[in-house]
C-alpha atoms as a PDB file:
ATOM      1  CA  MET A   1     -64.142   3.275  74.499  1.00  0.00           C
ATOM      2  CA  LYS A   2     -60.965   3.583  76.555  1.00  0.00           C
ATOM      3  CA  LYS A   3     -59.150   6.863  76.845  1.00  0.00           C
ATOM      4  CA  LYS A   4     -55.694   7.258  75.394  1.00  0.00           C
ATOM      5  CA  ALA A   5     -53.013   6.021  77.810  1.00  0.00           C
ATOM      6  CA  PRO A   6     -51.056   8.768  79.588  1.00  0.00           C
ATOM      7  CA  VAL A   7     -47.472   9.122  78.379  1.00  0.00           C
ATOM      8  CA  GLY A   8     -46.102   8.409  81.865  1.00  0.00           C
ATOM      9  CA  LEU A   9     -47.936   5.091  81.919  1.00  0.00           C
ATOM     10  CA  LEU A  10     -46.275   4.052  78.675  1.00  0.00           C
ATOM     11  CA  ILE A  11     -42.840   5.255  79.792  1.00  0.00           C
ATOM     12  CA  PHE A  12     -42.985   3.520  83.179  1.00  0.00           C
ATOM     13  CA  GLY A  13     -44.472   0.393  81.605  1.00  0.00           C
ATOM     14  CA  TRP A  14     -41.698   0.048  79.015  1.00  0.00           C
ATOM     15  CA  VAL A  15     -38.936   0.963  81.470  1.00  0.00           C
ATOM     16  CA  ASN A  16     -40.188  -1.673  83.925  1.00  0.00           C
ATOM     17  CA  ALA A  17     -40.773  -4.369  81.321  1.00  0.00           C
ATOM     18  CA  VAL A  18     -37.686  -3.915  79.156  1.00  0.00           C
ATOM     19  CA  LEU A  19     -34.952  -1.883  80.866  1.00  0.00           C
ATOM     20  CA  LEU A  20     -35.458  -3.218  84.388  1.00  0.00           C
ATOM     21  CA  GLY A  21     -37.012  -6.553  83.445  1.00  0.00           C
ATOM     22  CA  ILE A  22     -36.112  -8.310  80.213  1.00  0.00           C
ATOM     23  CA  ILE A  23     -32.564  -6.991  79.728  1.00  0.00           C
ATOM     24  CA  PRO A  24     -31.395  -7.683  83.321  1.00  0.00           C
ATOM     25  CA  ALA A  25     -33.167 -11.058  83.324  1.00  0.00           C
ATOM     26  CA  ILE A  26     -31.251 -12.120  80.226  1.00  0.00           C
ATOM     27  CA  LEU A  27     -27.980 -10.849  81.712  1.00  0.00           C
ATOM     28  CA  PHE A  28     -28.302 -12.298  85.219  1.00  0.00           C
ATOM     29  CA  LEU A  29     -29.920 -15.581  84.246  1.00  0.00           C
ATOM     30  CA  SER A  30     -27.440 -16.192  81.437  1.00  0.00           C
ATOM     31  CA  ILE A  31     -24.583 -15.794  83.909  1.00  0.00           C
ATOM     32  CA  ILE A  32     -26.281 -18.233  86.296  1.00  0.00           C
ATOM     33  CA  PHE A  33     -27.389 -20.900  83.822  1.00  0.00           C
ATOM     34  CA  PHE A  34     -25.102 -20.683  80.799  1.00  0.00           C
ATOM     35  CA  LEU A  35     -21.679 -19.726  82.108  1.00  0.00           C
ATOM     36  CA  PRO A  36     -19.533 -22.199  83.964  1.00  0.00           C
ATOM     37  CA  ALA A  37     -19.091 -21.450  87.677  1.00  0.00           C
ATOM     38  CA  GLU A  38     -15.474 -20.430  87.046  1.00  0.00           C
ATOM     39  CA  SER A  39     -16.636 -17.705  84.633  1.00  0.00           C
ATOM     40  CA  ALA A  40     -19.093 -16.302  87.179  1.00  0.00           C
ATOM     41  CA  ASP A  41     -16.278 -16.300  89.725  1.00  0.00           C
ATOM     42  CA  GLU A  42     -14.067 -14.478  87.233  1.00  0.00           C
ATOM     43  CA  ILE A  43     -16.776 -11.859  86.647  1.00  0.00           C
ATOM     44  CA  TRP A  44     -17.018 -11.333  90.421  1.00  0.00           C
ATOM     45  CA  ARG A  45     -13.231 -10.937  90.703  1.00  0.00           C
ATOM     46  CA  LEU A  46     -13.139  -8.504  87.783  1.00  0.00           C
ATOM     47  CA  LEU A  47     -15.906  -6.376  89.302  1.00  0.00           C
ATOM     48  CA  GLN A  48     -14.067  -6.368  92.634  1.00  0.00           C
ATOM     49  CA  GLU A  49     -10.829  -5.263  90.953  1.00  0.00           C
ATOM     50  CA  LYS A  50     -12.619  -2.443  89.108  1.00  0.00           C
ATOM     51  CA  GLY A  51     -14.069  -1.178  92.384  1.00  0.00           C
ATOM     52  CA  VAL A  52     -17.695  -1.713  91.327  1.00  0.00           C
ATOM     53  CA  PHE A  53     -20.068  -1.614  94.294  1.00  0.00           C
ATOM     54  CA  LEU A  54     -21.279  -5.137  95.019  1.00  0.00           C
ATOM     55  CA  PRO A  55     -23.182  -6.151  98.126  1.00  0.00           C
ATOM     56  CA  ALA A  56     -21.455  -9.541  97.938  1.00  0.00           C
ATOM     57  CA  GLU A  57     -18.432 -10.490 100.003  1.00  0.00           C
ATOM     58  CA  ASN A  58     -17.581 -13.682  98.111  1.00  0.00           C
ATOM     59  CA  GLN A  59     -18.439 -15.682  95.018  1.00  0.00           C
ATOM     60  CA  ALA A  60     -21.238 -17.651  96.722  1.00  0.00           C
ATOM     61  CA  GLU A  61     -22.937 -14.417  97.759  1.00  0.00           C
ATOM     62  CA  PHE A  62     -22.417 -13.081  94.230  1.00  0.00           C
ATOM     63  CA  ARG A  63     -24.207 -16.111  92.754  1.00  0.00           C
ATOM     64  CA  MET A  64     -27.076 -15.613  95.228  1.00  0.00           C
ATOM     65  CA  LEU A  65     -27.187 -11.916  94.314  1.00  0.00           C
ATOM     66  CA  LEU A  66     -27.551 -12.880  90.647  1.00  0.00           C
ATOM     67  CA  LYS A  67     -30.508 -15.128  91.509  1.00  0.00           C
ATOM     68  CA  VAL A  68     -32.175 -12.411  93.566  1.00  0.00           C
ATOM     69  CA  GLN A  69     -31.631  -9.920  90.743  1.00  0.00           C
ATOM     70  CA  GLY A  70     -33.125 -12.419  88.280  1.00  0.00           C
ATOM     71  CA  PHE A  71     -36.196 -12.689  90.511  1.00  0.00           C
ATOM     72  CA  MET A  72     -36.438  -8.899  90.778  1.00  0.00           C
ATOM     73  CA  ALA A  73     -36.214  -8.650  86.980  1.00  0.00           C
ATOM     74  CA  ALA A  74     -39.146 -11.081  86.705  1.00  0.00           C
ATOM     75  CA  MET A  75     -41.137  -8.845  89.063  1.00  0.00           C
ATOM     76  CA  PHE A  76     -40.370  -5.820  86.875  1.00  0.00           C
ATOM     77  CA  ILE A  77     -41.502  -7.761  83.792  1.00  0.00           C
ATOM     78  CA  ALA A  78     -44.801  -8.583  85.511  1.00  0.00           C
ATOM     79  CA  SER A  79     -45.208  -4.972  86.631  1.00  0.00           C
ATOM     80  CA  GLY A  80     -44.474  -3.580  83.176  1.00  0.00           C
ATOM     81  CA  ALA A  81     -46.795  -6.069  81.478  1.00  0.00           C
ATOM     82  CA  GLY A  82     -49.650  -5.173  83.815  1.00  0.00           C
ATOM     83  CA  ILE A  83     -49.096  -1.465  83.301  1.00  0.00           C
ATOM     84  CA  LEU A  84     -48.830  -1.720  79.520  1.00  0.00           C
ATOM     85  CA  ARG A  85     -51.990  -3.840  79.377  1.00  0.00           C
ATOM     86  CA  GLN A  86     -53.617  -1.165  81.572  1.00  0.00           C
ATOM     87  CA  LYS A  87     -54.817  -3.657  84.172  1.00  0.00           C
ATOM     88  CA  GLU A  88     -55.709  -2.583  87.701  1.00  0.00           C
ATOM     89  CA  TRP A  89     -53.706  -5.493  89.109  1.00  0.00           C
ATOM     90  CA  GLY A  90     -50.645  -4.129  87.263  1.00  0.00           C
ATOM     91  CA  ARG A  91     -51.060  -0.723  88.882  1.00  0.00           C
ATOM     92  CA  ARG A  92     -51.546  -2.209  92.349  1.00  0.00           C
ATOM     93  CA  PHE A  93     -48.686  -4.665  91.897  1.00  0.00           C
ATOM     94  CA  THR A  94     -46.401  -1.817  90.821  1.00  0.00           C
ATOM     95  CA  VAL A  95     -47.296   0.275  93.880  1.00  0.00           C
ATOM     96  CA  TYR A  96     -46.851  -2.627  96.330  1.00  0.00           C
ATOM     97  CA  PHE A  97     -43.641  -3.802  94.658  1.00  0.00           C
ATOM     98  CA  SER A  98     -42.271  -0.242  94.761  1.00  0.00           C
ATOM     99  CA  PHE A  99     -43.013   0.020  98.490  1.00  0.00           C
ATOM    100  CA  PHE A 100     -41.216  -3.300  98.951  1.00  0.00           C
ATOM    101  CA  LEU A 101     -38.195  -1.947  97.054  1.00  0.00           C
ATOM    102  CA  LEU A 102     -38.149   1.199  99.176  1.00  0.00           C
ATOM    103  CA  ILE A 103     -38.173  -0.918 102.345  1.00  0.00           C
ATOM    104  CA  LEU A 104     -35.278  -3.001 100.993  1.00  0.00           C
ATOM    105  CA  VAL A 105     -33.308   0.156 100.247  1.00  0.00           C
ATOM    106  CA  LEU A 106     -34.003   1.513 103.724  1.00  0.00           C
ATOM    107  CA  VAL A 107     -32.777  -1.738 105.294  1.00  0.00           C
ATOM    108  CA  SER A 108     -29.697  -1.648 103.050  1.00  0.00           C
ATOM    109  CA  ILE A 109     -28.885   1.908 104.085  1.00  0.00           C
ATOM    110  CA  ILE A 110     -29.333   1.109 107.771  1.00  0.00           C
ATOM    111  CA  SER A 111     -27.116  -1.974 107.534  1.00  0.00           C
ATOM    112  CA  ALA A 112     -24.471  -0.351 105.293  1.00  0.00           C
ATOM    113  CA  PRO A 113     -24.618   3.474 105.311  1.00  0.00           C
ATOM    114  CA  ALA A 114     -21.688   3.641 102.874  1.00  0.00           C
ATOM    115  CA  ALA A 115     -23.980   2.131 100.226  1.00  0.00           C
ATOM    116  CA  LEU A 116     -26.178   5.253 100.085  1.00  0.00           C
ATOM    117  CA  PRO A 117     -24.492   6.834  97.023  1.00  0.00           C
ATOM    118  CA  HIS A 118     -24.976   3.581  95.113  1.00  0.00           C
ATOM    119  CA  LEU A 119     -28.662   3.360  96.001  1.00  0.00           C
ATOM    120  CA  VAL A 120     -29.847   6.771  94.802  1.00  0.00           C
ATOM    121  CA  PHE A 121     -31.663   5.365  91.741  1.00  0.00           C
ATOM    122  CA  ASN A 122     -33.161   2.673  93.977  1.00  0.00           C
ATOM    123  CA  ILE A 123     -34.709   5.413  96.106  1.00  0.00           C
ATOM    124  CA  PHE A 124     -35.977   7.784  93.433  1.00  0.00           C
ATOM    125  CA  TYR A 125     -37.363   5.385  90.825  1.00  0.00           C
ATOM    126  CA  PRO A 126     -39.631   3.346  93.145  1.00  0.00           C
ATOM    127  CA  GLY A 127     -40.647   6.616  94.811  1.00  0.00           C
ATOM    128  CA  ALA A 128     -41.614   8.043  91.423  1.00  0.00           C
ATOM    129  CA  LEU A 129     -43.608   4.880  90.661  1.00  0.00           C
ATOM    130  CA  VAL A 130     -45.512   5.153  93.944  1.00  0.00           C
ATOM    131  CA  LEU A 131     -46.268   8.846  93.438  1.00  0.00           C
ATOM    132  CA  TYR A 132     -47.352   8.387  89.821  1.00  0.00           C
ATOM    133  CA  PHE A 133     -49.493   5.277  90.237  1.00  0.00           C
ATOM    134  CA  THR A 134     -51.231   6.513  93.392  1.00  0.00           C
ATOM    135  CA  ASN A 135     -52.236   9.711  91.581  1.00  0.00           C
ATOM    136  CA  GLN A 136     -56.031   9.795  91.393  1.00  0.00           C
ATOM    137  CA  ARG A 137     -56.116  10.636  87.673  1.00  0.00           C
ATOM    138  CA  VAL A 138     -53.816   7.743  86.811  1.00  0.00           C
ATOM    139  CA  GLY A 139     -55.810   5.418  89.063  1.00  0.00           C
ATOM    140  CA  GLU A 140     -59.037   6.401  87.279  1.00  0.00           C
ATOM    141  CA  HIS A 141     -57.489   5.412  83.970  1.00  0.00           C
ATOM    142  CA  PHE A 142     -57.154   1.803  85.186  1.00  0.00           C
ATOM    143  CA  ARG A 143     -60.808   1.501  86.264  1.00  0.00           C
END
């Protein structure tokens, strides 16, 4: 008989699967596949006018950013599904994916130091995932 899942496992699993996975995937992929190119360009221009931080210099980079974000959302869905199903591969995938995200953030900060205030969540959340899922008690729950 399996022990009751820790609350943190459920919270991180649902946050990864839904908030960082399904919702962004629907948003980013709908812009890519269902809006005409002119609408995506208009969204980019509107975000630029509002002063929203975007690591995209032009509309082509913005479209590529949407694709990368769609891929990242798929990775969060996989991570959340593995965690919620309490599979060891889900725990390992989450830890490795979080390290990957931290490396990306570090590279982003080195290449554009002004981006640091916009990347705070991208530092703390993957760090929290690594700390939580490498905890021995949490790891034992997956075995």
